[in-house]
Amino acid sequence: MAETARRIRQAKRRTDDTERKNAAAALQRALDRRDNGGATGH
């Protein structure tokens, strides 16, 4: 029982890390687009 719970937690942690990395990458892309726009907005 404890072994199964441990596996589930480890799998969940990996998913959380992946989601966190994806969110960080998306945020960085959004910031890059904003920063690259300049005064003209392109």
PDB file of N, CA and C in Angstrom:
ATOM      1  N   MET A   1       0.829  -1.201   0.000  1.00  0.00           N
ATOM      2  CA  MET A   1       0.000   0.000   0.000  1.00  0.00           C
ATOM      3  C   MET A   1       0.867   1.256   0.000  1.00  0.00           C
ATOM      4  N   ALA A   2       1.840   1.293   0.891  1.00  0.00           N
ATOM      5  CA  ALA A   2       2.705   2.468   0.966  1.00  0.00           C
ATOM      6  C   ALA A   2       3.507   2.625  -0.325  1.00  0.00           C
ATOM      7  N   GLU A   3       3.929   1.521  -0.899  1.00  0.00           N
ATOM      8  CA  GLU A   3       4.702   1.575  -2.142  1.00  0.00           C
ATOM      9  C   GLU A   3       3.869   2.164  -3.275  1.00  0.00           C
ATOM     10  N   THR A   4       2.612   1.782  -3.346  1.00  0.00           N
ATOM     11  CA  THR A   4       1.728   2.323  -4.386  1.00  0.00           C
ATOM     12  C   THR A   4       1.538   3.819  -4.200  1.00  0.00           C
ATOM     13  N   ALA A   5       1.315   4.247  -2.978  1.00  0.00           N
ATOM     14  CA  ALA A   5       1.133   5.668  -2.696  1.00  0.00           C
ATOM     15  C   ALA A   5       2.394   6.446  -3.056  1.00  0.00           C
ATOM     16  N   ARG A   6       3.538   5.861  -2.793  1.00  0.00           N
ATOM     17  CA  ARG A   6       4.798   6.527  -3.121  1.00  0.00           C
ATOM     18  C   ARG A   6       4.920   6.706  -4.631  1.00  0.00           C
ATOM     19  N   ARG A   7       4.567   5.684  -5.396  1.00  0.00           N
ATOM     20  CA  ARG A   7       4.641   5.784  -6.849  1.00  0.00           C
ATOM     21  C   ARG A   7       3.701   6.859  -7.375  1.00  0.00           C
ATOM     22  N   ILE A   8       2.522   6.913  -6.818  1.00  0.00           N
ATOM     23  CA  ILE A   8       1.554   7.915  -7.260  1.00  0.00           C
ATOM     24  C   ILE A   8       2.084   9.311  -6.978  1.00  0.00           C
ATOM     25  N   ARG A   9       2.646   9.516  -5.807  1.00  0.00           N
ATOM     26  CA  ARG A   9       3.194  10.840  -5.473  1.00  0.00           C
ATOM     27  C   ARG A   9       4.341  11.208  -6.406  1.00  0.00           C
ATOM     28  N   GLN A  10       5.202  10.246  -6.715  1.00  0.00           N
ATOM     29  CA  GLN A  10       6.321  10.534  -7.604  1.00  0.00           C
ATOM     30  C   GLN A  10       5.825  10.876  -8.997  1.00  0.00           C
ATOM     31  N   ALA A  11       4.834  10.159  -9.488  1.00  0.00           N
ATOM     32  CA  ALA A  11       4.286  10.448 -10.810  1.00  0.00           C
ATOM     33  C   ALA A  11       3.634  11.823 -10.810  1.00  0.00           C
ATOM     34  N   LYS A  12       2.929  12.150  -9.748  1.00  0.00           N
ATOM     35  CA  LYS A  12       2.283  13.454  -9.652  1.00  0.00           C
ATOM     36  C   LYS A  12       3.335  14.554  -9.613  1.00  0.00           C
ATOM     37  N   ARG A  13       4.410  14.338  -8.897  1.00  0.00           N
ATOM     38  CA  ARG A  13       5.465  15.351  -8.799  1.00  0.00           C
ATOM     39  C   ARG A  13       6.074  15.610 -10.172  1.00  0.00           C
ATOM     40  N   ARG A  14       6.295  14.555 -10.954  1.00  0.00           N
ATOM     41  CA  ARG A  14       6.846  14.730 -12.299  1.00  0.00           C
ATOM     42  C   ARG A  14       5.887  15.533 -13.161  1.00  0.00           C
ATOM     43  N   THR A  15       4.608  15.254 -13.046  1.00  0.00           N
ATOM     44  CA  THR A  15       3.606  15.994 -13.814  1.00  0.00           C
ATOM     45  C   THR A  15       3.619  17.460 -13.404  1.00  0.00           C
ATOM     46  N   ASP A  16       3.677  17.715 -12.104  1.00  0.00           N
ATOM     47  CA  ASP A  16       3.704  19.090 -11.617  1.00  0.00           C
ATOM     48  C   ASP A  16       4.935  19.822 -12.145  1.00  0.00           C
ATOM     49  N   ASP A  17       6.079  19.152 -12.148  1.00  0.00           N
ATOM     50  CA  ASP A  17       7.302  19.783 -12.639  1.00  0.00           C
ATOM     51  C   ASP A  17       7.170  20.115 -14.121  1.00  0.00           C
ATOM     52  N   THR A  18       6.593  19.203 -14.885  1.00  0.00           N
ATOM     53  CA  THR A  18       6.415  19.444 -16.317  1.00  0.00           C
ATOM     54  C   THR A  18       5.467  20.600 -16.546  1.00  0.00           C
ATOM     55  N   GLU A  19       4.372  20.613 -15.801  1.00  0.00           N
ATOM     56  CA  GLU A  19       3.414  21.707 -15.953  1.00  0.00           C
ATOM     57  C   GLU A  19       4.045  23.041 -15.556  1.00  0.00           C
ATOM     58  N   ARG A  20       4.846  23.013 -14.518  1.00  0.00           N
ATOM     59  CA  ARG A  20       5.508  24.243 -14.071  1.00  0.00           C
ATOM     60  C   ARG A  20       6.476  24.743 -15.139  1.00  0.00           C
ATOM     61  N   LYS A  21       7.236  23.822 -15.735  1.00  0.00           N
ATOM     62  CA  LYS A  21       8.180  24.213 -16.781  1.00  0.00           C
ATOM     63  C   LYS A  21       7.453  24.751 -18.002  1.00  0.00           C
ATOM     64  N   ASN A  22       6.328  24.115 -18.364  1.00  0.00           N
ATOM     65  CA  ASN A  22       5.559  24.587 -19.506  1.00  0.00           C
ATOM     66  C   ASN A  22       4.990  25.972 -19.236  1.00  0.00           C
ATOM     67  N   ALA A  23       4.505  26.178 -18.022  1.00  0.00           N
ATOM     68  CA  ALA A  23       3.946  27.491 -17.668  1.00  0.00           C
ATOM     69  C   ALA A  23       5.046  28.547 -17.679  1.00  0.00           C
ATOM     70  N   ALA A  24       6.212  28.217 -17.172  1.00  0.00           N
ATOM     71  CA  ALA A  24       7.323  29.166 -17.170  1.00  0.00           C
ATOM     72  C   ALA A  24       7.745  29.501 -18.595  1.00  0.00           C
ATOM     73  N   ALA A  25       7.768  28.510 -19.462  1.00  0.00           N
ATOM     74  CA  ALA A  25       8.142  28.752 -20.853  1.00  0.00           C
ATOM     75  C   ALA A  25       7.107  29.627 -21.551  1.00  0.00           C
ATOM     76  N   ALA A  26       5.830  29.374 -21.287  1.00  0.00           N
ATOM     77  CA  ALA A  26       4.770  30.186 -21.890  1.00  0.00           C
ATOM     78  C   ALA A  26       4.852  31.625 -21.391  1.00  0.00           C
ATOM     79  N   LEU A  27       5.106  31.793 -20.107  1.00  0.00           N
ATOM     80  CA  LEU A  27       5.245  33.139 -19.551  1.00  0.00           C
ATOM     81  C   LEU A  27       6.430  33.853 -20.182  1.00  0.00           C
ATOM     82  N   GLN A  28       7.540  33.149 -20.331  1.00  0.00           N
ATOM     83  CA  GLN A  28       8.724  33.761 -20.930  1.00  0.00           C
ATOM     84  C   GLN A  28       8.458  34.175 -22.368  1.00  0.00           C
ATOM     85  N   ARG A  29       7.746  33.333 -23.131  1.00  0.00           N
ATOM     86  CA  ARG A  29       7.414  33.696 -24.512  1.00  0.00           C
ATOM     87  C   ARG A  29       6.534  34.940 -24.548  1.00  0.00           C
ATOM     88  N   ALA A  30       5.576  35.012 -23.639  1.00  0.00           N
ATOM     89  CA  ALA A  30       4.691  36.182 -23.591  1.00  0.00           C
ATOM     90  C   ALA A  30       5.491  37.434 -23.263  1.00  0.00           C
ATOM     91  N   LEU A  31       6.408  37.324 -22.317  1.00  0.00           N
ATOM     92  CA  LEU A  31       7.237  38.479 -21.961  1.00  0.00           C
ATOM     93  C   LEU A  31       8.151  38.864 -23.118  1.00  0.00           C
ATOM     94  N   ASP A  32       8.686  37.863 -23.820  1.00  0.00           N
ATOM     95  CA  ASP A  32       9.552  38.147 -24.961  1.00  0.00           C
ATOM     96  C   ASP A  32       8.778  38.875 -26.047  1.00  0.00           C
ATOM     97  N   ARG A  33       7.571  38.448 -26.308  1.00  0.00           N
ATOM     98  CA  ARG A  33       6.760  39.118 -27.330  1.00  0.00           C
ATOM     99  C   ARG A  33       6.505  40.567 -26.923  1.00  0.00           C
ATOM    100  N   ARG A  34       6.182  40.772 -25.662  1.00  0.00           N
ATOM    101  CA  ARG A  34       5.916  42.122 -25.190  1.00  0.00           C
ATOM    102  C   ARG A  34       7.174  42.986 -25.282  1.00  0.00           C
ATOM    103  N   ASP A  35       8.302  42.434 -24.852  1.00  0.00           N
ATOM    104  CA  ASP A  35       9.549  43.184 -24.861  1.00  0.00           C
ATOM    105  C   ASP A  35      10.005  43.497 -26.286  1.00  0.00           C
ATOM    106  N   ASN A  36       9.757  42.591 -27.212  1.00  0.00           N
ATOM    107  CA  ASN A  36      10.205  42.782 -28.585  1.00  0.00           C
ATOM    108  C   ASN A  36       9.313  43.755 -29.342  1.00  0.00           C
ATOM    109  N   GLY A  37       8.144  44.060 -28.794  1.00  0.00           N
ATOM    110  CA  GLY A  37       7.213  44.934 -29.494  1.00  0.00           C
ATOM    111  C   GLY A  37       7.722  46.351 -29.651  1.00  0.00           C
ATOM    112  N   GLY A  38       8.356  46.873 -28.631  1.00  0.00           N
ATOM    113  CA  GLY A  38       8.865  48.237 -28.698  1.00  0.00           C
ATOM    114  C   GLY A  38       7.731  49.259 -28.764  1.00  0.00           C
ATOM    115  N   ALA A  39       8.056  50.459 -29.186  1.00  0.00           N
ATOM    116  CA  ALA A  39       7.097  51.540 -29.215  1.00  0.00           C
ATOM    117  C   ALA A  39       6.060  51.358 -30.323  1.00  0.00           C
ATOM    118  N   THR A  40       6.422  50.601 -31.361  1.00  0.00           N
ATOM    119  CA  THR A  40       5.519  50.457 -32.510  1.00  0.00           C
ATOM    120  C   THR A  40       4.439  49.414 -32.245  1.00  0.00           C
ATOM    121  N   GLY A  41       4.667  48.523 -31.294  1.00  0.00           N
ATOM    122  CA  GLY A  41       3.690  47.482 -30.983  1.00  0.00           C
ATOM    123  C   GLY A  41       3.737  46.295 -31.891  1.00  0.00           C
ATOM    124  N   HIS A  42       4.785  46.133 -32.674  1.00  0.00           N
ATOM    125  CA  HIS A  42       4.903  44.971 -33.560  1.00  0.00           C
ATOM    126  C   HIS A  42       5.704  43.899 -32.884  1.00  0.00           C
TER     127      HIS A  42
END
